[in-house]
PDB file of all heavy atoms in Angstrom:
ATOM      1  N   GLU A   1     166.444 -42.415 116.944  1.00  0.00           N
ATOM      2  CA  GLU A   1     166.699 -41.731 115.680  1.00  0.00           C
ATOM      3  C   GLU A   1     167.180 -42.664 114.575  1.00  0.00           C
ATOM      4  O   GLU A   1     167.178 -42.293 113.414  1.00  0.00           O
ATOM      5  CB  GLU A   1     167.737 -40.623 115.866  1.00  0.00           C
ATOM      6  CG  GLU A   1     167.199 -39.392 116.562  1.00  0.00           C
ATOM      7  CD  GLU A   1     168.140 -38.212 116.438  1.00  0.00           C
ATOM      8  OE1 GLU A   1     169.260 -38.397 115.915  1.00  0.00           O
ATOM      9  OE2 GLU A   1     167.757 -37.111 116.843  1.00  0.00           O
ATOM     10  N   LEU A   2     167.631 -43.859 114.919  1.00  0.00           N
ATOM     11  CA  LEU A   2     168.206 -44.761 113.925  1.00  0.00           C
ATOM     12  C   LEU A   2     167.095 -45.394 113.102  1.00  0.00           C
ATOM     13  O   LEU A   2     166.154 -45.978 113.625  1.00  0.00           O
ATOM     14  CB  LEU A   2     169.020 -45.836 114.639  1.00  0.00           C
ATOM     15  CG  LEU A   2     170.126 -46.503 113.822  1.00  0.00           C
ATOM     16  CD1 LEU A   2     171.059 -45.478 113.227  1.00  0.00           C
ATOM     17  CD2 LEU A   2     170.903 -47.468 114.705  1.00  0.00           C
ATOM     18  N   ARG A   3     167.199 -45.276 111.769  1.00  0.00           N
ATOM     19  CA  ARG A   3     166.180 -45.762 110.845  1.00  0.00           C
ATOM     20  C   ARG A   3     166.850 -46.507 109.696  1.00  0.00           C
ATOM     21  O   ARG A   3     168.008 -46.277 109.374  1.00  0.00           O
ATOM     22  CB  ARG A   3     165.359 -44.601 110.272  1.00  0.00           C
ATOM     23  CG  ARG A   3     164.618 -43.760 111.292  1.00  0.00           C
ATOM     24  CD  ARG A   3     163.377 -44.479 111.810  1.00  0.00           C
ATOM     25  NE  ARG A   3     162.573 -43.624 112.678  1.00  0.00           N
ATOM     26  CZ  ARG A   3     162.739 -43.533 113.986  1.00  0.00           C
ATOM     27  NH1 ARG A   3     163.693 -44.242 114.578  1.00  0.00           N
ATOM     28  NH2 ARG A   3     161.956 -42.744 114.710  1.00  0.00           N
ATOM     29  N   VAL A   4     166.084 -47.382 109.055  1.00  0.00           N
ATOM     30  CA  VAL A   4     166.562 -48.051 107.848  1.00  0.00           C
ATOM     31  C   VAL A   4     165.447 -48.055 106.819  1.00  0.00           C
ATOM     32  O   VAL A   4     164.275 -48.251 107.135  1.00  0.00           O
ATOM     33  CB  VAL A   4     167.039 -49.496 108.137  1.00  0.00           C
ATOM     34  CG1 VAL A   4     165.901 -50.390 108.628  1.00  0.00           C
ATOM     35  CG2 VAL A   4     167.707 -50.096 106.905  1.00  0.00           C
ATOM     36  N   GLN A   5     165.813 -47.793 105.570  1.00  0.00           N
ATOM     37  CA  GLN A   5     164.885 -47.868 104.441  1.00  0.00           C
ATOM     38  C   GLN A   5     165.335 -49.017 103.559  1.00  0.00           C
ATOM     39  O   GLN A   5     166.518 -49.136 103.231  1.00  0.00           O
ATOM     40  CB  GLN A   5     164.885 -46.552 103.657  1.00  0.00           C
ATOM     41  CG  GLN A   5     163.826 -46.486 102.566  1.00  0.00           C
ATOM     42  CD  GLN A   5     163.702 -45.089 101.976  1.00  0.00           C
ATOM     43  OE1 GLN A   5     163.926 -44.088 102.665  1.00  0.00           O
ATOM     44  NE2 GLN A   5     163.340 -45.006 100.703  1.00  0.00           N
ATOM     45  N   LEU A   6     164.385 -49.877 103.168  1.00  0.00           N
ATOM     46  CA  LEU A   6     164.727 -51.133 102.512  1.00  0.00           C
ATOM     47  C   LEU A   6     164.364 -51.168 101.035  1.00  0.00           C
ATOM     48  O   LEU A   6     164.717 -52.114 100.330  1.00  0.00           O
ATOM     49  CB  LEU A   6     164.038 -52.294 103.242  1.00  0.00           C
ATOM     50  CG  LEU A   6     164.344 -52.372 104.741  1.00  0.00           C
ATOM     51  CD1 LEU A   6     163.465 -53.409 105.415  1.00  0.00           C
ATOM     52  CD2 LEU A   6     165.818 -52.704 104.972  1.00  0.00           C
ATOM     53  N   ARG A   7     163.644 -50.170 100.553  1.00  0.00           N
ATOM     54  CA  ARG A   7     163.296 -50.046  99.138  1.00  0.00           C
ATOM     55  C   ARG A   7     163.185 -48.562  98.797  1.00  0.00           C
ATOM     56  O   ARG A   7     162.900 -47.738  99.665  1.00  0.00           O
ATOM     57  CB  ARG A   7     161.952 -50.725  98.818  1.00  0.00           C
ATOM     58  CG  ARG A   7     161.999 -52.235  98.692  1.00  0.00           C
ATOM     59  CD  ARG A   7     160.641 -52.776  98.288  1.00  0.00           C
ATOM     60  NE  ARG A   7     160.620 -54.220  98.147  1.00  0.00           N
ATOM     61  CZ  ARG A   7     160.908 -54.877  97.039  1.00  0.00           C
ATOM     62  NH1 ARG A   7     161.244 -54.207  95.955  1.00  0.00           N
ATOM     63  NH2 ARG A   7     160.858 -56.188  96.986  1.00  0.00           N
ATOM     64  N   ALA A   8     163.368 -48.236  97.538  1.00  0.00           N
ATOM     65  CA  ALA A   8     163.165 -46.859  97.111  1.00  0.00           C
ATOM     66  C   ALA A   8     161.712 -46.478  97.369  1.00  0.00           C
ATOM     67  O   ALA A   8     160.792 -47.213  96.999  1.00  0.00           O
ATOM     68  CB  ALA A   8     163.500 -46.714  95.634  1.00  0.00           C
ATOM     69  N   HIS A   9     161.498 -45.367  98.032  1.00  0.00           N
ATOM     70  CA  HIS A   9     160.168 -44.870  98.385  1.00  0.00           C
ATOM     71  C   HIS A   9     159.401 -45.855  99.265  1.00  0.00           C
ATOM     72  O   HIS A   9     158.175 -45.818  99.334  1.00  0.00           O
ATOM     73  CB  HIS A   9     159.351 -44.547  97.128  1.00  0.00           C
ATOM     74  CG  HIS A   9     160.061 -43.629  96.179  1.00  0.00           C
ATOM     75  ND1 HIS A   9     160.399 -42.343  96.510  1.00  0.00           N
ATOM     76  CD2 HIS A   9     160.526 -43.833  94.917  1.00  0.00           C
ATOM     77  CE1 HIS A   9     161.030 -41.774  95.496  1.00  0.00           C
ATOM     78  NE2 HIS A   9     161.127 -42.653  94.521  1.00  0.00           N
ATOM     79  N   GLY A  10     160.135 -46.748  99.938  1.00  0.00           N
ATOM     80  CA  GLY A  10     159.498 -47.707 100.835  1.00  0.00           C
ATOM     81  C   GLY A  10     159.382 -47.154 102.248  1.00  0.00           C
ATOM     82  O   GLY A  10     159.817 -46.037 102.553  1.00  0.00           O
ATOM     83  N   GLU A  11     158.791 -47.969 103.114  1.00  0.00           N
ATOM     84  CA  GLU A  11     158.635 -47.571 104.512  1.00  0.00           C
ATOM     85  C   GLU A  11     159.995 -47.448 105.192  1.00  0.00           C
ATOM     86  O   GLU A  11     160.989 -48.027 104.764  1.00  0.00           O
ATOM     87  CB  GLU A  11     157.801 -48.612 105.268  1.00  0.00           C
ATOM     88  CG  GLU A  11     156.305 -48.483 105.092  1.00  0.00           C
ATOM     89  CD  GLU A  11     155.561 -49.352 106.093  1.00  0.00           C
ATOM     90  OE1 GLU A  11     155.482 -48.958 107.281  1.00  0.00           O
ATOM     91  OE2 GLU A  11     155.081 -50.415 105.697  1.00  0.00           O
ATOM     92  N   VAL A  12     160.007 -46.696 106.279  1.00  0.00           N
ATOM     93  CA  VAL A  12     161.208 -46.525 107.092  1.00  0.00           C
ATOM     94  C   VAL A  12     160.950 -47.187 108.443  1.00  0.00           C
ATOM     95  O   VAL A  12     159.879 -47.035 109.027  1.00  0.00           O
ATOM     96  CB  VAL A  12     161.534 -45.032 107.277  1.00  0.00           C
ATOM     97  CG1 VAL A  12     162.749 -44.860 108.167  1.00  0.00           C
ATOM     98  CG2 VAL A  12     161.768 -44.378 105.917  1.00  0.00           C
ATOM     99  N   TYR A  13     161.952 -47.935 108.931  1.00  0.00           N
ATOM    100  CA  TYR A  13     161.789 -48.712 110.159  1.00  0.00           C
ATOM    101  C   TYR A  13     162.835 -48.295 111.182  1.00  0.00           C
ATOM    102  O   TYR A  13     164.007 -48.104 110.841  1.00  0.00           O
ATOM    103  CB  TYR A  13     161.954 -50.214 109.877  1.00  0.00           C
ATOM    104  CG  TYR A  13     160.924 -50.767 108.924  1.00  0.00           C
ATOM    105  CD1 TYR A  13     161.099 -50.682 107.547  1.00  0.00           C
ATOM    106  CD2 TYR A  13     159.758 -51.374 109.396  1.00  0.00           C
ATOM    107  CE1 TYR A  13     160.153 -51.178 106.661  1.00  0.00           C
ATOM    108  CE2 TYR A  13     158.805 -51.870 108.520  1.00  0.00           C
ATOM    109  CZ  TYR A  13     159.011 -51.771 107.159  1.00  0.00           C
ATOM    110  OH  TYR A  13     158.065 -52.261 106.281  1.00  0.00           O
ATOM    111  N   GLY A  14     162.410 -48.197 112.441  1.00  0.00           N
ATOM    112  CA  GLY A  14     163.369 -48.048 113.511  1.00  0.00           C
ATOM    113  C   GLY A  14     164.200 -49.316 113.614  1.00  0.00           C
ATOM    114  O   GLY A  14     163.712 -50.409 113.326  1.00  0.00           O
ATOM    115  N   CYS A  15     165.452 -49.190 113.996  1.00  0.00           N
ATOM    116  CA  CYS A  15     166.314 -50.379 114.006  1.00  0.00           C
ATOM    117  C   CYS A  15     167.527 -50.161 114.892  1.00  0.00           C
ATOM    118  O   CYS A  15     167.788 -49.061 115.383  1.00  0.00           O
ATOM    119  CB  CYS A  15     166.779 -50.696 112.576  1.00  0.00           C
ATOM    120  SG  CYS A  15     167.966 -49.492 111.909  1.00  0.00           S
ATOM    121  N   HIS A  16     168.265 -51.211 115.088  1.00  0.00           N
ATOM    122  CA  HIS A  16     169.648 -51.129 115.529  1.00  0.00           C
ATOM    123  C   HIS A  16     170.436 -52.130 114.712  1.00  0.00           C
ATOM    124  O   HIS A  16     169.862 -53.039 114.110  1.00  0.00           O
ATOM    125  CB  HIS A  16     169.788 -51.362 117.043  1.00  0.00           C
ATOM    126  CG  HIS A  16     169.398 -52.735 117.500  1.00  0.00           C
ATOM    127  ND1 HIS A  16     168.100 -53.069 117.827  1.00  0.00           N
ATOM    128  CD2 HIS A  16     170.132 -53.864 117.666  1.00  0.00           C
ATOM    129  CE1 HIS A  16     168.048 -54.338 118.203  1.00  0.00           C
ATOM    130  NE2 HIS A  16     169.278 -54.848 118.106  1.00  0.00           N
ATOM    131  N   PHE A  17     171.725 -51.947 114.640  1.00  0.00           N
ATOM    132  CA  PHE A  17     172.519 -52.827 113.787  1.00  0.00           C
ATOM    133  C   PHE A  17     173.907 -53.002 114.364  1.00  0.00           C
ATOM    134  O   PHE A  17     174.375 -52.205 115.178  1.00  0.00           O
ATOM    135  CB  PHE A  17     172.580 -52.287 112.349  1.00  0.00           C
ATOM    136  CG  PHE A  17     173.166 -50.911 112.216  1.00  0.00           C
ATOM    137  CD1 PHE A  17     174.482 -50.725 111.833  1.00  0.00           C
ATOM    138  CD2 PHE A  17     172.382 -49.792 112.460  1.00  0.00           C
ATOM    139  CE1 PHE A  17     175.012 -49.461 111.702  1.00  0.00           C
ATOM    140  CE2 PHE A  17     172.898 -48.521 112.326  1.00  0.00           C
ATOM    141  CZ  PHE A  17     174.226 -48.350 111.937  1.00  0.00           C
ATOM    142  N   GLU A  18     174.559 -54.058 113.921  1.00  0.00           N
ATOM    143  CA  GLU A  18     175.899 -54.353 114.399  1.00  0.00           C
ATOM    144  C   GLU A  18     176.718 -54.988 113.297  1.00  0.00           C
ATOM    145  O   GLU A  18     176.177 -55.567 112.349  1.00  0.00           O
ATOM    146  CB  GLU A  18     175.838 -55.293 115.608  1.00  0.00           C
ATOM    147  CG  GLU A  18     175.084 -56.577 115.348  1.00  0.00           C
ATOM    148  CD  GLU A  18     174.776 -57.338 116.632  1.00  0.00           C
ATOM    149  OE1 GLU A  18     174.787 -56.707 117.697  1.00  0.00           O
ATOM    150  OE2 GLU A  18     174.527 -58.541 116.552  1.00  0.00           O
ATOM    151  N   GLU A  19     178.011 -54.831 113.415  1.00  0.00           N
ATOM    152  CA  GLU A  19     178.938 -55.377 112.435  1.00  0.00           C
ATOM    153  C   GLU A  19     179.170 -56.857 112.733  1.00  0.00           C
ATOM    154  O   GLU A  19     179.442 -57.241 113.870  1.00  0.00           O
ATOM    155  CB  GLU A  19     180.253 -54.613 112.518  1.00  0.00           C
ATOM    156  CG  GLU A  19     181.124 -54.726 111.298  1.00  0.00           C
ATOM    157  CD  GLU A  19     182.295 -53.769 111.382  1.00  0.00           C
ATOM    158  OE1 GLU A  19     182.634 -53.332 112.501  1.00  0.00           O
ATOM    159  OE2 GLU A  19     182.884 -53.476 110.333  1.00  0.00           O
ATOM    160  N   VAL A  20     179.059 -57.680 111.690  1.00  0.00           N
ATOM    161  CA  VAL A  20     179.292 -59.119 111.823  1.00  0.00           C
ATOM    162  C   VAL A  20     180.205 -59.541 110.672  1.00  0.00           C
ATOM    163  O   VAL A  20     179.771 -59.578 109.521  1.00  0.00           O
ATOM    164  CB  VAL A  20     177.972 -59.916 111.786  1.00  0.00           C
ATOM    165  CG1 VAL A  20     178.256 -61.411 111.913  1.00  0.00           C
ATOM    166  CG2 VAL A  20     177.023 -59.453 112.887  1.00  0.00           C
ATOM    167  N   GLY A  21     181.450 -59.841 110.978  1.00  0.00           N
ATOM    168  CA  GLY A  21     182.399 -60.155 109.914  1.00  0.00           C
ATOM    169  C   GLY A  21     182.564 -58.970 108.983  1.00  0.00           C
ATOM    170  O   GLY A  21     182.813 -57.842 109.416  1.00  0.00           O
ATOM    171  N   ASP A  22     182.390 -59.214 107.684  1.00  0.00           N
ATOM    172  CA  ASP A  22     182.501 -58.140 106.693  1.00  0.00           C
ATOM    173  C   ASP A  22     181.156 -57.491 106.379  1.00  0.00           C
ATOM    174  O   ASP A  22     181.059 -56.664 105.462  1.00  0.00           O
ATOM    175  CB  ASP A  22     183.105 -58.685 105.388  1.00  0.00           C
ATOM    176  CG  ASP A  22     184.536 -59.139 105.572  1.00  0.00           C
ATOM    177  OD1 ASP A  22     185.231 -58.551 106.422  1.00  0.00           O
ATOM    178  OD2 ASP A  22     184.949 -60.081 104.873  1.00  0.00           O
ATOM    179  N   GLY A  23     180.109 -57.876 107.114  1.00  0.00           N
ATOM    180  CA  GLY A  23     178.783 -57.350 106.819  1.00  0.00           C
ATOM    181  C   GLY A  23     178.101 -56.773 108.040  1.00  0.00           C
ATOM    182  O   GLY A  23     178.739 -56.414 109.028  1.00  0.00           O
ATOM    183  N   LEU A  24     176.771 -56.683 107.945  1.00  0.00           N
ATOM    184  CA  LEU A  24     175.966 -56.115 109.017  1.00  0.00           C
ATOM    185  C   LEU A  24     174.793 -57.021 109.329  1.00  0.00           C
ATOM    186  O   LEU A  24     174.288 -57.727 108.455  1.00  0.00           O
ATOM    187  CB  LEU A  24     175.397 -54.750 108.615  1.00  0.00           C
ATOM    188  CG  LEU A  24     176.339 -53.614 108.282  1.00  0.00           C
ATOM    189  CD1 LEU A  24     175.525 -52.412 107.825  1.00  0.00           C
ATOM    190  CD2 LEU A  24     177.188 -53.263 109.477  1.00  0.00           C
ATOM    191  N   ARG A  25     174.346 -56.974 110.564  1.00  0.00           N
ATOM    192  CA  ARG A  25     173.076 -57.567 110.931  1.00  0.00           C
ATOM    193  C   ARG A  25     172.188 -56.440 111.459  1.00  0.00           C
ATOM    194  O   ARG A  25     172.541 -55.757 112.417  1.00  0.00           O
ATOM    195  CB  ARG A  25     173.235 -58.655 111.998  1.00  0.00           C
ATOM    196  CG  ARG A  25     171.880 -59.305 112.362  1.00  0.00           C
ATOM    197  CD  ARG A  25     172.043 -60.563 113.205  1.00  0.00           C
ATOM    198  NE  ARG A  25     172.762 -60.316 114.420  1.00  0.00           N
ATOM    199  CZ  ARG A  25     173.925 -60.886 114.744  1.00  0.00           C
ATOM    200  NH1 ARG A  25     174.519 -61.715 113.894  1.00  0.00           N
ATOM    201  NH2 ARG A  25     174.530 -60.616 115.894  1.00  0.00           N
ATOM    202  N   ILE A  26     171.052 -56.242 110.799  1.00  0.00           N
ATOM    203  CA  ILE A  26     170.121 -55.171 111.161  1.00  0.00           C
ATOM    204  C   ILE A  26     168.900 -55.793 111.825  1.00  0.00           C
ATOM    205  O   ILE A  26     168.306 -56.728 111.287  1.00  0.00           O
ATOM    206  CB  ILE A  26     169.678 -54.379 109.911  1.00  0.00           C
ATOM    207  CG1 ILE A  26     170.897 -53.764 109.216  1.00  0.00           C
ATOM    208  CG2 ILE A  26     168.677 -53.293 110.284  1.00  0.00           C
ATOM    209  CD1 ILE A  26     170.568 -53.112 107.885  1.00  0.00           C
ATOM    210  N   THR A  27     168.536 -55.311 112.977  1.00  0.00           N
ATOM    211  CA  THR A  27     167.344 -55.786 113.688  1.00  0.00           C
ATOM    212  C   THR A  27     166.314 -54.664 113.693  1.00  0.00           C
ATOM    213  O   THR A  27     166.598 -53.549 114.140  1.00  0.00           O
ATOM    214  CB  THR A  27     167.681 -56.202 115.127  1.00  0.00           C
ATOM    215  OG1 THR A  27     168.701 -57.208 115.100  1.00  0.00           O
ATOM    216  CG2 THR A  27     166.446 -56.768 115.810  1.00  0.00           C
ATOM    217  N   LEU A  28     165.114 -54.972 113.176  1.00  0.00           N
ATOM    218  CA  LEU A  28     164.055 -53.977 113.058  1.00  0.00           C
ATOM    219  C   LEU A  28     163.223 -53.898 114.328  1.00  0.00           C
ATOM    220  O   LEU A  28     163.026 -54.905 115.019  1.00  0.00           O
ATOM    221  CB  LEU A  28     163.140 -54.326 111.878  1.00  0.00           C
ATOM    222  CG  LEU A  28     163.813 -54.550 110.519  1.00  0.00           C
ATOM    223  CD1 LEU A  28     162.753 -54.903 109.471  1.00  0.00           C
ATOM    224  CD2 LEU A  28     164.601 -53.321 110.087  1.00  0.00           C
ATOM    225  N   ASP A  29     162.685 -52.706 114.600  1.00  0.00           N
ATOM    226  CA  ASP A  29     161.824 -52.518 115.761  1.00  0.00           C
ATOM    227  C   ASP A  29     160.442 -53.125 115.554  1.00  0.00           C
ATOM    228  O   ASP A  29     159.732 -53.415 116.517  1.00  0.00           O
ATOM    229  CB  ASP A  29     161.674 -51.026 116.066  1.00  0.00           C
ATOM    230  CG  ASP A  29     162.959 -50.410 116.572  1.00  0.00           C
ATOM    231  OD1 ASP A  29     163.909 -51.169 116.853  1.00  0.00           O
ATOM    232  OD2 ASP A  29     163.028 -49.164 116.666  1.00  0.00           O
TER     233      ASP A  29
END
């Protein structure tokens, strides 16, 4: 169920993500 959208009206990608320091690292399917 986890998805990420990278642009307005752009494609949606399955992903998983994790917290790294003060940010995130997102890995796409």
